[in-house]
C-alpha atoms as a PDB file:
ATOM      1  CA  MET A   1    -142.701 176.842 -29.769  1.00  0.00           C
ATOM      2  CA  GLY A   2    -144.115 174.694 -26.931  1.00  0.00           C
ATOM      3  CA  LYS A   3    -145.029 175.681 -23.414  1.00  0.00           C
ATOM      4  CA  ARG A   4    -141.764 175.948 -21.521  1.00  0.00           C
ATOM      5  CA  LYS A   5    -140.167 178.267 -19.017  1.00  0.00           C
ATOM      6  CA  THR A   6    -138.522 181.354 -20.445  1.00  0.00           C
ATOM      7  CA  PRO A   7    -137.881 184.795 -18.982  1.00  0.00           C
ATOM      8  CA  SER A   8    -141.380 185.754 -20.202  1.00  0.00           C
ATOM      9  CA  ASN A   9    -142.993 182.972 -18.126  1.00  0.00           C
ATOM     10  CA  PRO A  10    -143.641 184.620 -14.782  1.00  0.00           C
ATOM     11  CA  LEU A  11    -144.208 182.549 -11.656  1.00  0.00           C
ATOM     12  CA  LEU A  12    -147.092 183.615  -9.426  1.00  0.00           C
ATOM     13  CA  ILE A  13    -147.186 182.382  -5.824  1.00  0.00           C
ATOM     14  CA  PHE A  14    -150.202 182.521  -3.520  1.00  0.00           C
ATOM     15  CA  ARG A  15    -151.268 181.563   0.000  1.00  0.00           C
ATOM     16  CA  THR A  16    -154.594 179.686  -0.268  1.00  0.00           C
ATOM     17  CA  ASP A  17    -157.233 177.826   1.708  1.00  0.00           C
ATOM     18  CA  ILE A  18    -157.006 174.802  -0.631  1.00  0.00           C
ATOM     19  CA  LYS A  19    -156.149 172.262   2.060  1.00  0.00           C
ATOM     20  CA  THR A  20    -156.952 168.836   0.566  1.00  0.00           C
ATOM     21  CA  ARG A  21    -156.444 166.843  -2.632  1.00  0.00           C
ATOM     22  CA  LYS A  22    -160.218 166.822  -3.063  1.00  0.00           C
ATOM     23  CA  LYS A  23    -160.216 170.631  -3.152  1.00  0.00           C
ATOM     24  CA  VAL A  24    -157.292 170.626  -5.604  1.00  0.00           C
ATOM     25  CA  LYS A  25    -159.435 168.478  -7.934  1.00  0.00           C
ATOM     26  CA  VAL A  26    -162.077 171.229  -7.941  1.00  0.00           C
ATOM     27  CA  ILE A  27    -159.667 173.734  -9.513  1.00  0.00           C
ATOM     28  CA  LYS A  28    -157.833 171.228 -11.734  1.00  0.00           C
ATOM     29  CA  PRO A  29    -160.039 171.682 -14.850  1.00  0.00           C
ATOM     30  CA  LEU A  30    -159.988 175.451 -14.416  1.00  0.00           C
ATOM     31  CA  PHE A  31    -156.182 175.681 -14.454  1.00  0.00           C
ATOM     32  CA  ASN A  32    -155.477 172.769 -16.820  1.00  0.00           C
ATOM     33  CA  ASN A  33    -157.683 174.331 -19.505  1.00  0.00           C
ATOM     34  CA  HIS A  34    -156.578 177.937 -19.022  1.00  0.00           C
ATOM     35  CA  PRO A  35    -154.706 179.110 -22.153  1.00  0.00           C
ATOM     36  CA  LEU A  36    -152.206 181.272 -20.230  1.00  0.00           C
ATOM     37  CA  ILE A  37    -151.243 178.750 -17.531  1.00  0.00           C
ATOM     38  CA  VAL A  38    -148.293 176.481 -18.340  1.00  0.00           C
ATOM     39  CA  LYS A  39    -147.906 174.660 -15.042  1.00  0.00           C
ATOM     40  CA  TRP A  40    -149.458 174.879 -11.592  1.00  0.00           C
ATOM     41  CA  SER A  41    -149.357 173.106  -8.245  1.00  0.00           C
ATOM     42  CA  VAL A  42    -150.793 173.344  -4.757  1.00  0.00           C
ATOM     43  CA  ASP A  43    -148.662 172.268  -1.802  1.00  0.00           C
ATOM     44  CA  THR A  44    -151.292 170.993   0.646  1.00  0.00           C
ATOM     45  CA  GLU A  45    -148.481 169.953   3.036  1.00  0.00           C
ATOM     46  CA  ASP A  46    -147.369 173.582   3.473  1.00  0.00           C
ATOM     47  CA  ILE A  47    -148.981 175.625   6.252  1.00  0.00           C
ATOM     48  CA  ASP A  48    -149.903 178.284   3.661  1.00  0.00           C
ATOM     49  CA  ASN A  49    -151.245 175.720   1.116  1.00  0.00           C
ATOM     50  CA  VAL A  50    -149.056 177.404  -1.498  1.00  0.00           C
ATOM     51  CA  LEU A  51    -150.338 177.677  -5.068  1.00  0.00           C
ATOM     52  CA  ARG A  52    -147.632 178.166  -7.709  1.00  0.00           C
ATOM     53  CA  ILE A  53    -148.602 179.123 -11.239  1.00  0.00           C
ATOM     54  CA  GLU A  54    -146.250 179.425 -14.208  1.00  0.00           C
ATOM     55  CA  THR A  55    -147.790 181.482 -16.996  1.00  0.00           C
ATOM     56  CA  ILE A  56    -147.107 182.035 -20.680  1.00  0.00           C
ATOM     57  CA  ASN A  57    -148.231 185.627 -20.687  1.00  0.00           C
ATOM     58  CA  ASP A  58    -149.159 188.444 -18.394  1.00  0.00           C
ATOM     59  CA  ILE A  59    -152.010 186.973 -16.382  1.00  0.00           C
ATOM     60  CA  SER A  60    -152.404 189.128 -13.302  1.00  0.00           C
ATOM     61  CA  GLU A  61    -152.466 188.034  -9.686  1.00  0.00           C
ATOM     62  CA  ASN A  62    -155.913 189.609  -9.494  1.00  0.00           C
ATOM     63  CA  GLU A  63    -157.204 187.367 -12.318  1.00  0.00           C
ATOM     64  CA  ILE A  64    -156.086 184.273 -10.383  1.00  0.00           C
ATOM     65  CA  ILE A  65    -157.707 185.584  -7.199  1.00  0.00           C
ATOM     66  CA  ILE A  66    -160.986 186.144  -9.088  1.00  0.00           C
ATOM     67  CA  LEU A  67    -160.865 182.652 -10.667  1.00  0.00           C
ATOM     68  CA  LEU A  68    -160.345 180.990  -7.290  1.00  0.00           C
ATOM     69  CA  LYS A  69    -162.958 183.140  -5.594  1.00  0.00           C
ATOM     70  CA  ALA A  70    -165.482 181.990  -8.228  1.00  0.00           C
ATOM     71  CA  CYS A  71    -164.704 178.398  -7.127  1.00  0.00           C
ATOM     72  CA  GLY A  72    -165.217 179.299  -3.469  1.00  0.00           C
ATOM     73  CA  PHE A  73    -161.556 179.575  -2.470  1.00  0.00           C
ATOM     74  CA  HIS A  74    -159.515 182.390  -0.954  1.00  0.00           C
ATOM     75  CA  CYS A  75    -155.981 183.243  -2.004  1.00  0.00           C
ATOM     76  CA  GLU A  76    -153.538 186.095  -1.608  1.00  0.00           C
ATOM     77  CA  PRO A  77    -150.148 186.761  -3.214  1.00  0.00           C
ATOM     78  CA  LEU A  78    -147.051 185.531  -1.363  1.00  0.00           C
ATOM     79  CA  GLU A  79    -143.656 187.125  -1.794  1.00  0.00           C
ATOM     80  CA  ASP A  80    -140.821 184.851  -3.034  1.00  0.00           C
END
């Protein structure tokens, strides 16, 4: 079975301070190589610089916050 959206693939949504494409490139290897992340994107056009992450398994919001903090970024969960 490949990586594709199913009911077990939760979508996590965050407000971030990732405001430019250059900053998105900093986190790209981190998220592209993460075994539990299927798909992710940062909307640098949005006022909240929204990060959306689709996961395979139960990765917690806190784990994402810690990963981004380690890269020097701030994020907080956003409600749908």
